[in-house]
C-alpha atoms as a PDB file:
ATOM      1  CA  MET A   1      71.940  38.518 -68.572  1.00  0.00           C
ATOM      2  CA  GLU A   2      72.013  41.578 -66.505  1.00  0.00           C
ATOM      3  CA  ARG A   3      75.185  43.377 -64.634  1.00  0.00           C
ATOM      4  CA  ILE A   4      75.654  42.233 -60.764  1.00  0.00           C
ATOM      5  CA  LEU A   5      76.127  45.361 -58.722  1.00  0.00           C
ATOM      6  CA  THR A   6      79.120  45.580 -56.632  1.00  0.00           C
ATOM      7  CA  LYS A   7      79.281  46.757 -53.390  1.00  0.00           C
ATOM      8  CA  ASP A   8      80.290  49.665 -53.758  1.00  0.00           C
ATOM      9  CA  GLU A   9      77.514  50.389 -56.115  1.00  0.00           C
ATOM     10  CA  ILE A  10      74.651  49.319 -53.480  1.00  0.00           C
ATOM     11  CA  ALA A  11      76.487  51.896 -51.360  1.00  0.00           C
ATOM     12  CA  GLU A  12      75.764  54.574 -53.309  1.00  0.00           C
ATOM     13  CA  LEU A  13      72.604  53.320 -54.437  1.00  0.00           C
ATOM     14  CA  LEU A  14      70.921  53.272 -51.143  1.00  0.00           C
ATOM     15  CA  SER A  15      72.404  56.593 -49.944  1.00  0.00           C
ATOM     16  CA  ALA A  16      71.125  58.326 -53.572  1.00  0.00           C
ATOM     17  CA  VAL A  17      67.640  57.033 -52.054  1.00  0.00           C
ATOM     18  CA  GLN A  18      67.833  57.651 -48.656  1.00  0.00           C
ATOM     19  CA  GLU A  19      69.037  61.626 -49.787  1.00  0.00           C
ATOM     20  CA  GLY A  20      65.918  61.732 -51.782  1.00  0.00           C
ATOM     21  CA  GLU A  21      68.299  62.083 -54.943  1.00  0.00           C
ATOM     22  CA  ILE A  22      66.633  58.662 -57.073  1.00  0.00           C
ATOM     23  CA  GLU A  23      62.586  58.445 -56.754  1.00  0.00           C
ATOM     24  CA  LEU A  24      61.528  55.283 -56.110  1.00  0.00           C
ATOM     25  CA  GLU A  25      58.603  54.504 -58.930  1.00  0.00           C
ATOM     26  CA  ALA A  26      55.396  52.772 -57.551  1.00  0.00           C
ATOM     27  CA  LEU A  27      54.331  49.452 -58.450  1.00  0.00           C
ATOM     28  CA  GLY A  28      50.862  49.194 -61.120  1.00  0.00           C
ATOM     29  CA  ASP A  29      47.717  47.817 -59.694  1.00  0.00           C
ATOM     30  CA  ASP A  30      48.614  44.703 -61.928  1.00  0.00           C
ATOM     31  CA  GLU A  31      52.508  44.357 -60.195  1.00  0.00           C
ATOM     32  CA  PHE A  32      50.853  44.528 -56.504  1.00  0.00           C
ATOM     33  CA  VAL A  33      50.648  41.635 -55.087  1.00  0.00           C
ATOM     34  CA  ALA A  34      48.903  41.936 -51.335  1.00  0.00           C
ATOM     35  CA  PRO A  35      50.586  38.972 -48.411  1.00  0.00           C
ATOM     36  CA  GLU A  36      48.899  36.127 -47.608  1.00  0.00           C
ATOM     37  CA  ARG A  37      46.685  36.812 -44.688  1.00  0.00           C
ATOM     38  CA  GLY A  38      48.284  34.379 -42.037  1.00  0.00           C
ATOM     39  CA  GLY A  39      46.320  33.329 -38.637  1.00  0.00           C
ATOM     40  CA  GLU A  40      46.252  35.243 -35.578  1.00  0.00           C
ATOM     41  CA  ALA A  41      49.420  36.330 -34.076  1.00  0.00           C
ATOM     42  CA  THR A  42      49.346  34.340 -30.810  1.00  0.00           C
ATOM     43  CA  ARG A  43      51.098  36.665 -27.577  1.00  0.00           C
ATOM     44  CA  LEU A  44      54.268  34.651 -26.314  1.00  0.00           C
ATOM     45  CA  ASP A  45      55.538  35.476 -22.575  1.00  0.00           C
ATOM     46  CA  LEU A  46      58.866  34.257 -22.002  1.00  0.00           C
ATOM     47  CA  LEU A  47      58.286  34.938 -17.965  1.00  0.00           C
ATOM     48  CA  ARG A  48      55.062  33.144 -17.911  1.00  0.00           C
ATOM     49  CA  LEU A  49      54.427  29.337 -17.098  1.00  0.00           C
ATOM     50  CA  GLN A  50      53.948  27.631 -21.445  1.00  0.00           C
ATOM     51  CA  ASP A  51      53.042  23.771 -21.902  1.00  0.00           C
ATOM     52  CA  SER A  52      56.781  23.118 -22.705  1.00  0.00           C
ATOM     53  CA  GLY A  53      57.007  21.521 -19.381  1.00  0.00           C
ATOM     54  CA  ARG A  54      54.049  18.985 -19.443  1.00  0.00           C
ATOM     55  CA  TRP A  55      56.198  15.830 -19.379  1.00  0.00           C
ATOM     56  CA  ARG A  56      59.004  17.540 -16.917  1.00  0.00           C
ATOM     57  CA  PHE A  57      58.720  14.605 -14.397  1.00  0.00           C
ATOM     58  CA  GLN A  58      59.890  11.532 -16.068  1.00  0.00           C
ATOM     59  CA  ASN A  59      57.907   8.412 -14.773  1.00  0.00           C
ATOM     60  CA  LEU A  60      55.577  10.287 -12.640  1.00  0.00           C
ATOM     61  CA  ASP A  61      52.784   8.769 -14.061  1.00  0.00           C
ATOM     62  CA  ILE A  62      53.879   5.579 -12.412  1.00  0.00           C
ATOM     63  CA  ILE A  63      53.863   6.916  -9.013  1.00  0.00           C
ATOM     64  CA  LEU A  64      50.133   8.524 -10.368  1.00  0.00           C
ATOM     65  CA  ASP A  65      48.538   5.038 -11.404  1.00  0.00           C
ATOM     66  CA  ALA A  66      49.329   3.373  -8.078  1.00  0.00           C
ATOM     67  CA  PHE A  67      47.715   6.102  -6.124  1.00  0.00           C
ATOM     68  CA  ALA A  68      44.783   5.372  -8.332  1.00  0.00           C
ATOM     69  CA  ARG A  69      45.511   1.592  -7.701  1.00  0.00           C
ATOM     70  CA  ASN A  70      45.447   2.134  -3.580  1.00  0.00           C
ATOM     71  CA  TYR A  71      42.640   4.540  -3.493  1.00  0.00           C
ATOM     72  CA  GLY A  72      40.141   2.465  -5.264  1.00  0.00           C
ATOM     73  CA  MET A  73      40.879  -0.311  -3.150  1.00  0.00           C
ATOM     74  CA  SER A  74      40.398   2.615  -0.087  1.00  0.00           C
ATOM     75  CA  LEU A  75      37.254   3.475  -1.456  1.00  0.00           C
ATOM     76  CA  THR A  76      36.098   0.030  -2.012  1.00  0.00           C
ATOM     77  CA  ASN A  77      36.647  -1.387   1.554  1.00  0.00           C
ATOM     78  CA  ARG A  78      34.946   2.098   2.556  1.00  0.00           C
ATOM     79  CA  LEU A  79      31.831   2.431   0.372  1.00  0.00           C
ATOM     80  CA  GLN A  80      31.277  -2.240   0.301  1.00  0.00           C
ATOM     81  CA  SER A  81      31.550  -1.609  -3.561  1.00  0.00           C
ATOM     82  CA  SER A  82      33.566  -1.961  -6.676  1.00  0.00           C
ATOM     83  CA  VAL A  83      35.049   1.353  -7.082  1.00  0.00           C
ATOM     84  CA  MET A  84      37.746   1.564 -10.138  1.00  0.00           C
ATOM     85  CA  VAL A  85      40.036   4.646  -9.827  1.00  0.00           C
ATOM     86  CA  LYS A  86      41.413   5.367 -13.633  1.00  0.00           C
ATOM     87  CA  ARG A  87      43.778   8.452 -14.029  1.00  0.00           C
ATOM     88  CA  ASN A  88      43.062  10.270 -17.190  1.00  0.00           C
ATOM     89  CA  ASP A  89      45.437  12.721 -18.436  1.00  0.00           C
ATOM     90  CA  MET A  90      48.527  14.969 -17.247  1.00  0.00           C
ATOM     91  CA  GLU A  91      49.073  18.505 -17.765  1.00  0.00           C
ATOM     92  CA  THR A  92      50.910  21.966 -16.592  1.00  0.00           C
ATOM     93  CA  ARG A  93      48.522  24.838 -15.613  1.00  0.00           C
ATOM     94  CA  GLU A  94      48.838  28.150 -13.647  1.00  0.00           C
ATOM     95  CA  PHE A  95      47.554  28.372 -10.659  1.00  0.00           C
ATOM     96  CA  GLU A  96      45.308  31.472 -11.208  1.00  0.00           C
ATOM     97  CA  THR A  97      44.165  29.993 -13.943  1.00  0.00           C
ATOM     98  CA  PHE A  98      43.349  26.326 -12.870  1.00  0.00           C
ATOM     99  CA  LEU A  99      41.348  27.700  -9.917  1.00  0.00           C
ATOM    100  CA  SER A 100      38.740  29.840 -12.255  1.00  0.00           C
ATOM    101  CA  ASP A 101      38.455  27.176 -14.379  1.00  0.00           C
ATOM    102  CA  LEU A 102      37.388  24.462 -11.488  1.00  0.00           C
ATOM    103  CA  PRO A 103      33.799  22.848 -11.691  1.00  0.00           C
ATOM    104  CA  LYS A 104      31.332  25.005  -8.962  1.00  0.00           C
ATOM    105  CA  ASN A 105      29.601  23.167  -6.421  1.00  0.00           C
ATOM    106  CA  GLY A 106      32.515  20.723  -5.597  1.00  0.00           C
ATOM    107  CA  LEU A 107      34.943  20.169  -3.020  1.00  0.00           C
ATOM    108  CA  ILE A 108      38.725  21.292  -2.771  1.00  0.00           C
ATOM    109  CA  GLY A 109      40.729  18.946  -0.083  1.00  0.00           C
ATOM    110  CA  ILE A 110      43.991  20.972   0.735  1.00  0.00           C
ATOM    111  CA  VAL A 111      46.501  18.118   2.111  1.00  0.00           C
ATOM    112  CA  ARG A 112      50.066  18.100   3.881  1.00  0.00           C
ATOM    113  CA  LEU A 113      52.739  16.786   1.867  1.00  0.00           C
ATOM    114  CA  ASP A 114      55.657  17.228   4.326  1.00  0.00           C
ATOM    115  CA  PRO A 115      58.667  17.387   3.571  1.00  0.00           C
ATOM    116  CA  LEU A 116      57.908  18.396   0.375  1.00  0.00           C
ATOM    117  CA  LYS A 117      57.962  22.575  -0.194  1.00  0.00           C
ATOM    118  CA  SER A 118      54.111  22.787  -0.431  1.00  0.00           C
ATOM    119  CA  GLY A 119      50.808  21.127  -0.067  1.00  0.00           C
ATOM    120  CA  GLY A 120      48.777  19.741  -3.141  1.00  0.00           C
ATOM    121  CA  LEU A 121      45.069  19.845  -4.070  1.00  0.00           C
ATOM    122  CA  LEU A 122      42.289  17.110  -4.127  1.00  0.00           C
ATOM    123  CA  ILE A 123      39.263  18.594  -5.771  1.00  0.00           C
ATOM    124  CA  PHE A 124      35.598  16.430  -5.900  1.00  0.00           C
ATOM    125  CA  ASP A 125      33.436  17.625  -9.004  1.00  0.00           C
ATOM    126  CA  ASP A 126      30.082  18.503  -7.762  1.00  0.00           C
ATOM    127  CA  GLN A 127      28.946  14.965  -9.948  1.00  0.00           C
ATOM    128  CA  LEU A 128      31.457  12.933  -7.155  1.00  0.00           C
ATOM    129  CA  SER A 129      30.637  14.619  -4.357  1.00  0.00           C
ATOM    130  CA  TYR A 130      26.746  14.174  -4.253  1.00  0.00           C
ATOM    131  CA  SER A 131      27.142  10.453  -5.267  1.00  0.00           C
ATOM    132  CA  LEU A 132      29.601   9.551  -2.490  1.00  0.00           C
ATOM    133  CA  LEU A 133      27.377  11.619  -0.377  1.00  0.00           C
ATOM    134  CA  GLU A 134      24.382   9.207  -1.106  1.00  0.00           C
ATOM    135  CA  LEU A 135      26.436   6.207  -1.130  1.00  0.00           C
ATOM    136  CA  LEU A 136      27.842   7.248   2.155  1.00  0.00           C
ATOM    137  CA  LEU A 137      23.867   8.463   3.633  1.00  0.00           C
ATOM    138  CA  GLY A 138      22.656   4.390   2.555  1.00  0.00           C
ATOM    139  CA  GLY A 139      21.803   5.256  -0.632  1.00  0.00           C
ATOM    140  CA  THR A 140      21.975   2.727  -3.858  1.00  0.00           C
ATOM    141  CA  SER A 141      24.712   3.073  -6.855  1.00  0.00           C
ATOM    142  CA  ARG A 142      22.291   1.314  -9.051  1.00  0.00           C
ATOM    143  CA  GLY A 143      19.774   4.098  -9.053  1.00  0.00           C
ATOM    144  CA  LYS A 144      20.116   8.369 -10.372  1.00  0.00           C
ATOM    145  CA  PHE A 145      21.247  10.681  -7.818  1.00  0.00           C
ATOM    146  CA  THR A 146      20.234  14.147  -7.624  1.00  0.00           C
ATOM    147  CA  ILE A 147      23.178  16.543  -8.289  1.00  0.00           C
ATOM    148  CA  PHE A 148      22.427  19.729  -6.287  1.00  0.00           C
ATOM    149  CA  GLN A 149      23.190  22.941  -8.212  1.00  0.00           C
ATOM    150  CA  ARG A 150      24.695  24.469  -4.996  1.00  0.00           C
ATOM    151  CA  PRO A 151      27.618  24.744  -2.724  1.00  0.00           C
ATOM    152  CA  MET A 152      27.573  21.994   0.001  1.00  0.00           C
ATOM    153  CA  THR A 153      26.542  22.667   3.136  1.00  0.00           C
ATOM    154  CA  ALA A 154      29.037  22.765   6.346  1.00  0.00           C
ATOM    155  CA  ILE A 155      27.395  18.871   7.332  1.00  0.00           C
ATOM    156  CA  GLU A 156      27.346  17.646   3.659  1.00  0.00           C
ATOM    157  CA  VAL A 157      31.390  18.336   3.736  1.00  0.00           C
ATOM    158  CA  ASN A 158      32.085  16.608   6.846  1.00  0.00           C
ATOM    159  CA  VAL A 159      30.764  13.444   5.772  1.00  0.00           C
ATOM    160  CA  ILE A 160      32.697  13.340   2.633  1.00  0.00           C
ATOM    161  CA  LYS A 161      36.059  14.938   4.671  1.00  0.00           C
ATOM    162  CA  GLY A 162      36.400  11.251   5.484  1.00  0.00           C
ATOM    163  CA  ILE A 163      36.762   9.896   2.232  1.00  0.00           C
ATOM    164  CA  ILE A 164      38.918  12.756   1.044  1.00  0.00           C
ATOM    165  CA  ALA A 165      41.650  12.017   4.156  1.00  0.00           C
ATOM    166  CA  ALA A 166      41.225   8.191   2.897  1.00  0.00           C
ATOM    167  CA  ALA A 167      43.247   9.584  -0.359  1.00  0.00           C
ATOM    168  CA  CYS A 168      46.369  10.672   1.732  1.00  0.00           C
ATOM    169  CA  PRO A 169      47.698   7.131   2.953  1.00  0.00           C
ATOM    170  CA  ASP A 170      47.217   6.154  -0.877  1.00  0.00           C
ATOM    171  CA  LEU A 171      49.754   9.245  -1.298  1.00  0.00           C
ATOM    172  CA  LYS A 172      52.170   8.114   1.168  1.00  0.00           C
ATOM    173  CA  LYS A 173      51.739   5.079  -0.197  1.00  0.00           C
ATOM    174  CA  ALA A 174      53.163   5.657  -3.733  1.00  0.00           C
ATOM    175  CA  PHE A 175      55.462   7.960  -3.305  1.00  0.00           C
ATOM    176  CA  ALA A 176      57.429   5.663  -0.699  1.00  0.00           C
ATOM    177  CA  PRO A 177      60.131   4.207  -3.446  1.00  0.00           C
ATOM    178  CA  LEU A 178      60.575   8.626  -3.761  1.00  0.00           C
ATOM    179  CA  GLU A 179      60.391  10.447  -0.510  1.00  0.00           C
ATOM    180  CA  THR A 180      58.750   9.631   2.763  1.00  0.00           C
ATOM    181  CA  LEU A 181      55.542  11.711   3.116  1.00  0.00           C
ATOM    182  CA  GLU A 182      53.860  13.018   6.057  1.00  0.00           C
ATOM    183  CA  SER A 183      50.241  13.574   3.972  1.00  0.00           C
ATOM    184  CA  ALA A 184      47.471  14.346   5.899  1.00  0.00           C
ATOM    185  CA  LEU A 185      43.840  16.409   5.276  1.00  0.00           C
ATOM    186  CA  VAL A 186      44.240  19.903   6.702  1.00  0.00           C
ATOM    187  CA  LYS A 187      40.934  21.329   5.548  1.00  0.00           C
ATOM    188  CA  VAL A 188      38.066  21.187   2.720  1.00  0.00           C
ATOM    189  CA  GLU A 189      36.821  24.418   0.864  1.00  0.00           C
ATOM    190  CA  ASN A 190      34.241  24.713  -1.872  1.00  0.00           C
ATOM    191  CA  ASN A 191      35.201  27.752  -2.691  1.00  0.00           C
ATOM    192  CA  PRO A 192      38.176  28.444  -5.414  1.00  0.00           C
ATOM    193  CA  ARG A 193      38.982  31.957  -3.689  1.00  0.00           C
ATOM    194  CA  LEU A 194      39.546  30.856  -0.625  1.00  0.00           C
ATOM    195  CA  VAL A 195      42.882  28.483  -1.579  1.00  0.00           C
ATOM    196  CA  THR A 196      46.259  29.946  -1.373  1.00  0.00           C
ATOM    197  CA  ILE A 197      48.822  27.086  -1.596  1.00  0.00           C
ATOM    198  CA  VAL A 198      51.181  29.068  -4.023  1.00  0.00           C
ATOM    199  CA  PRO A 199      51.496  32.247  -5.861  1.00  0.00           C
ATOM    200  CA  PRO A 200      48.937  32.411  -8.717  1.00  0.00           C
ATOM    201  CA  ASP A 201      51.233  32.125 -11.540  1.00  0.00           C
ATOM    202  CA  ALA A 202      52.904  29.185  -9.953  1.00  0.00           C
ATOM    203  CA  ALA A 203      53.207  25.883 -12.003  1.00  0.00           C
ATOM    204  CA  MET A 204      50.762  23.395 -10.975  1.00  0.00           C
ATOM    205  CA  LEU A 205      50.324  19.465 -12.303  1.00  0.00           C
ATOM    206  CA  ILE A 206      47.040  18.306 -12.915  1.00  0.00           C
ATOM    207  CA  THR A 207      46.149  14.717 -12.783  1.00  0.00           C
ATOM    208  CA  ARG A 208      42.589  14.001 -13.382  1.00  0.00           C
ATOM    209  CA  PHE A 209      41.229  10.461 -12.791  1.00  0.00           C
ATOM    210  CA  THR A 210      37.947   8.962 -13.056  1.00  0.00           C
ATOM    211  CA  VAL A 211      36.251   7.334 -10.397  1.00  0.00           C
ATOM    212  CA  THR A 212      33.485   4.773 -10.986  1.00  0.00           C
ATOM    213  CA  VAL A 213      31.081   2.978  -8.897  1.00  0.00           C
ATOM    214  CA  ASP A 214      29.100   0.377 -10.676  1.00  0.00           C
ATOM    215  CA  ASN A 215      27.367   2.789 -13.121  1.00  0.00           C
ATOM    216  CA  LEU A 216      28.155   6.204 -11.170  1.00  0.00           C
ATOM    217  CA  GLN A 217      31.019   8.375 -12.557  1.00  0.00           C
ATOM    218  CA  GLY A 218      32.603  11.559 -11.195  1.00  0.00           C
ATOM    219  CA  ARG A 219      36.068  13.334 -11.537  1.00  0.00           C
ATOM    220  CA  LEU A 220      39.049  13.299  -9.242  1.00  0.00           C
ATOM    221  CA  THR A 221      41.765  15.950  -9.504  1.00  0.00           C
ATOM    222  CA  LEU A 222      44.802  15.909  -7.970  1.00  0.00           C
ATOM    223  CA  ALA A 223      47.154  19.484  -8.182  1.00  0.00           C
ATOM    224  CA  ILE A 224      50.638  19.227  -7.239  1.00  0.00           C
ATOM    225  CA  PRO A 225      52.560  22.588  -7.566  1.00  0.00           C
ATOM    226  CA  HIS A 226      55.836  21.925  -9.855  1.00  0.00           C
ATOM    227  CA  ALA A 227      57.807  23.553  -6.968  1.00  0.00           C
ATOM    228  CA  SER A 228      57.780  20.574  -4.416  1.00  0.00           C
ATOM    229  CA  LEU A 229      58.356  17.977  -7.507  1.00  0.00           C
ATOM    230  CA  ASP A 230      61.805  19.636  -8.806  1.00  0.00           C
ATOM    231  CA  PRO A 231      63.493  17.939  -5.853  1.00  0.00           C
ATOM    232  CA  LEU A 232      62.005  14.686  -6.755  1.00  0.00           C
ATOM    233  CA  ARG A 233      63.004  14.941 -10.307  1.00  0.00           C
ATOM    234  CA  GLU A 234      66.285  12.744 -10.006  1.00  0.00           C
ATOM    235  CA  LYS A 235      64.688  10.208  -7.747  1.00  0.00           C
ATOM    236  CA  LEU A 236      62.481   9.731 -10.556  1.00  0.00           C
ATOM    237  CA  LYS A 237      64.576   9.141 -12.878  1.00  0.00           C
ATOM    238  CA  GLU A 238      66.998   7.101 -10.796  1.00  0.00           C
ATOM    239  CA  GLY A 239      63.837   4.965  -7.898  1.00  0.00           C
ATOM    240  CA  VAL A 240      61.669   3.913 -10.675  1.00  0.00           C
ATOM    241  CA  LEU A 241      63.827   2.680 -13.539  1.00  0.00           C
ATOM    242  CA  GLY A 242      65.798   0.880 -11.107  1.00  0.00           C
ATOM    243  CA  GLY A 243      68.829   3.083 -11.590  1.00  0.00           C
ATOM    244  CA  GLY A 244      72.527   2.562  -8.724  1.00  0.00           C
ATOM    245  CA  GLY A 245      71.206   4.835  -5.987  1.00  0.00           C
ATOM    246  CA  ARG A 246      67.454   3.632  -6.250  1.00  0.00           C
ATOM    247  CA  ARG A 247      65.364   3.009  -3.195  1.00  0.00           C
ATOM    248  CA  GLU A 248      64.018  -0.033  -1.615  1.00  0.00           C
ATOM    249  CA  THR A 249      60.713  -0.829  -2.920  1.00  0.00           C
ATOM    250  CA  LEU A 250      57.901  -3.181  -1.224  1.00  0.00           C
ATOM    251  CA  TRP A 251      57.932  -5.762  -4.026  1.00  0.00           C
ATOM    252  CA  SER A 252      62.361  -5.550  -3.174  1.00  0.00           C
ATOM    253  CA  ARG A 253      61.858  -5.807   0.490  1.00  0.00           C
ATOM    254  CA  ARG A 254      58.981  -8.805   0.336  1.00  0.00           C
ATOM    255  CA  LEU A 255      61.475 -10.811  -2.216  1.00  0.00           C
ATOM    256  CA  GLN A 256      64.508  -9.778   0.345  1.00  0.00           C
ATOM    257  CA  GLU A 257      62.609 -11.301   3.632  1.00  0.00           C
ATOM    258  CA  GLU A 258      61.405 -14.523   1.581  1.00  0.00           C
ATOM    259  CA  VAL A 259      64.624 -15.488   0.067  1.00  0.00           C
ATOM    260  CA  CYS A 260      66.234 -15.201   3.997  1.00  0.00           C
ATOM    261  CA  ASN A 261      63.335 -17.453   4.895  1.00  0.00           C
ATOM    262  CA  THR A 262      64.258 -19.960   2.715  1.00  0.00           C
ATOM    263  CA  GLU A 263      65.822 -23.404   3.657  1.00  0.00           C
ATOM    264  CA  VAL A 264      69.383 -24.706   2.196  1.00  0.00           C
ATOM    265  CA  THR A 265      71.303 -27.892   3.081  1.00  0.00           C
ATOM    266  CA  LEU A 266      74.674 -26.914   4.936  1.00  0.00           C
ATOM    267  CA  ALA A 267      77.169 -29.692   5.376  1.00  0.00           C
ATOM    268  CA  ALA A 268      80.826 -29.881   6.546  1.00  0.00           C
ATOM    269  CA  ALA A 269      82.659 -31.552   4.025  1.00  0.00           C
ATOM    270  CA  LEU A 270      86.077 -33.162   5.285  1.00  0.00           C
ATOM    271  CA  GLY A 271      87.752 -33.790   2.036  1.00  0.00           C
ATOM    272  CA  LYS A 272      87.234 -35.194  -1.914  1.00  0.00           C
ATOM    273  CA  VAL A 273      88.863 -37.806  -3.284  1.00  0.00           C
ATOM    274  CA  SER A 274      88.409 -39.171  -6.829  1.00  0.00           C
ATOM    275  CA  LEU A 275      87.981 -43.143  -7.477  1.00  0.00           C
ATOM    276  CA  ARG A 276      87.179 -45.237  -9.715  1.00  0.00           C
ATOM    277  CA  VAL A 277      84.245 -47.512  -9.478  1.00  0.00           C
ATOM    278  CA  ARG A 278      86.723 -50.966  -9.126  1.00  0.00           C
ATOM    279  CA  ASP A 279      88.042 -49.489  -6.296  1.00  0.00           C
ATOM    280  CA  ILE A 280      84.783 -48.473  -5.098  1.00  0.00           C
ATOM    281  CA  LEU A 281      83.459 -52.513  -5.172  1.00  0.00           C
ATOM    282  CA  ASP A 282      86.377 -53.706  -3.669  1.00  0.00           C
ATOM    283  CA  PHE A 283      85.874 -51.793  -0.192  1.00  0.00           C
ATOM    284  CA  GLN A 284      85.647 -53.891   3.185  1.00  0.00           C
ATOM    285  CA  VAL A 285      85.288 -53.239   6.217  1.00  0.00           C
ATOM    286  CA  GLY A 286      88.304 -51.372   7.940  1.00  0.00           C
ATOM    287  CA  ASP A 287      89.857 -50.105   4.903  1.00  0.00           C
ATOM    288  CA  ILE A 288      91.193 -46.788   5.303  1.00  0.00           C
ATOM    289  CA  ILE A 289      90.901 -43.854   2.153  1.00  0.00           C
ATOM    290  CA  ASP A 290      93.213 -41.078   1.840  1.00  0.00           C
ATOM    291  CA  LEU A 291      91.285 -38.013   2.054  1.00  0.00           C
ATOM    292  CA  GLY A 292      94.722 -35.722   1.069  1.00  0.00           C
ATOM    293  CA  CYS A 293      94.768 -33.629   3.516  1.00  0.00           C
ATOM    294  CA  GLU A 294      96.063 -33.028   7.036  1.00  0.00           C
ATOM    295  CA  PRO A 295      94.243 -34.149  10.194  1.00  0.00           C
ATOM    296  CA  SER A 296      94.796 -30.401  11.471  1.00  0.00           C
ATOM    297  CA  ALA A 297      93.257 -29.000   8.146  1.00  0.00           C
ATOM    298  CA  PRO A 298      89.786 -26.829   8.350  1.00  0.00           C
ATOM    299  CA  LEU A 299      86.574 -28.387   7.044  1.00  0.00           C
ATOM    300  CA  SER A 300      85.085 -26.645   3.683  1.00  0.00           C
ATOM    301  CA  LEU A 301      81.334 -25.423   5.018  1.00  0.00           C
ATOM    302  CA  VAL A 302      79.282 -26.487   1.786  1.00  0.00           C
ATOM    303  CA  VAL A 303      75.959 -24.550   1.163  1.00  0.00           C
ATOM    304  CA  GLU A 304      73.833 -26.352  -1.647  1.00  0.00           C
ATOM    305  CA  ASP A 305      76.868 -28.022  -2.931  1.00  0.00           C
ATOM    306  CA  ARG A 306      78.936 -24.380  -2.758  1.00  0.00           C
ATOM    307  CA  ALA A 307      82.180 -24.446  -0.735  1.00  0.00           C
ATOM    308  CA  LYS A 308      81.179 -20.989   1.381  1.00  0.00           C
ATOM    309  CA  PHE A 309      83.262 -21.064   4.510  1.00  0.00           C
ATOM    310  CA  LEU A 310      86.027 -22.964   6.135  1.00  0.00           C
ATOM    311  CA  ALA A 311      85.678 -24.033  10.028  1.00  0.00           C
ATOM    312  CA  LEU A 312      87.298 -26.181  12.574  1.00  0.00           C
ATOM    313  CA  PRO A 313      85.750 -29.526  14.033  1.00  0.00           C
ATOM    314  CA  GLY A 314      84.746 -29.155  17.595  1.00  0.00           C
ATOM    315  CA  VAL A 315      81.762 -30.189  20.362  1.00  0.00           C
ATOM    316  CA  LYS A 316      79.547 -28.287  21.729  1.00  0.00           C
ATOM    317  CA  ASN A 317      76.457 -29.386  24.219  1.00  0.00           C
ATOM    318  CA  GLY A 318      77.541 -32.990  23.657  1.00  0.00           C
ATOM    319  CA  LYS A 319      77.062 -33.071  19.981  1.00  0.00           C
ATOM    320  CA  LYS A 320      79.556 -32.455  16.894  1.00  0.00           C
ATOM    321  CA  ALA A 321      79.717 -28.612  15.581  1.00  0.00           C
ATOM    322  CA  VAL A 322      81.920 -26.371  13.767  1.00  0.00           C
ATOM    323  CA  ARG A 323      83.890 -23.311  14.224  1.00  0.00           C
ATOM    324  CA  ILE A 324      83.543 -20.818  11.381  1.00  0.00           C
ATOM    325  CA  ILE A 325      87.217 -19.033  10.618  1.00  0.00           C
ATOM    326  CA  GLY A 326      86.753 -17.499   7.035  1.00  0.00           C
ATOM    327  CA  GLU A 327      85.331 -17.566   3.954  1.00  0.00           C
ATOM    328  CA  THR A 328      86.941 -19.902   1.068  1.00  0.00           C
END
């Protein structure tokens, strides 16, 4: 067994090597082992956006699914054809990179999302844009449309603008449980270089939807800056899941309205006494039943067989009435 060098011996050996007193022996060809070649190095920039923030906003998919349902119904009513809008995927990308990858000849709607920090983008790809244009001009969804390899003209953009603007009320409705948005279409562009709503390196949450009209299909993309969604992160955790600080949803408000309109039975009880059946069978006209309470004692106001209030008897407009004086 070889002897293990001490700490002082190791220090002296290293010093001798550095000063050149000991020459290092080169390894033989048979002793040399080449390191295994790994994959290509990947650049990691800690100052720029990384994909780790892809699922930062918990439960936001519930809000976006609600937007897809609402927008599908809006398009169905507008086009008089069955339209289905389905959410596909969500990812986080830098604004500059996202714009550079947008499909050509599509339409970019810039929408206002007050009081959020920045607005958002609604992008229709060329397939969806030209298909909707044909439908609005009287075409049928059962035929095949020609997708021109050119940007839309100003007249064509004005025809589609109403379809893009119809998404703004549905965005407001979907975000209602979290924030009261004032959403409106600002303008429509077909050149990504003219769209600058945030700095180039800003993080954007990208959500893609598939829009299907009979046998026609296109892609809709919703892009919202992370800076706009950051203030809603805590509300997303509480409001959607039903935490302590949640806001009333449309369903809860309707349920409350229906409960308030429900009819119940209200009775004023003079008193209550327990008797045997034998005694009840012997009752005669004129018998007096002791209720066990003073004549001036308040009545018990019973709601659906449950005592709720205390009341005093009286008369109003020639009819017997009670005045509530407290709770039981």
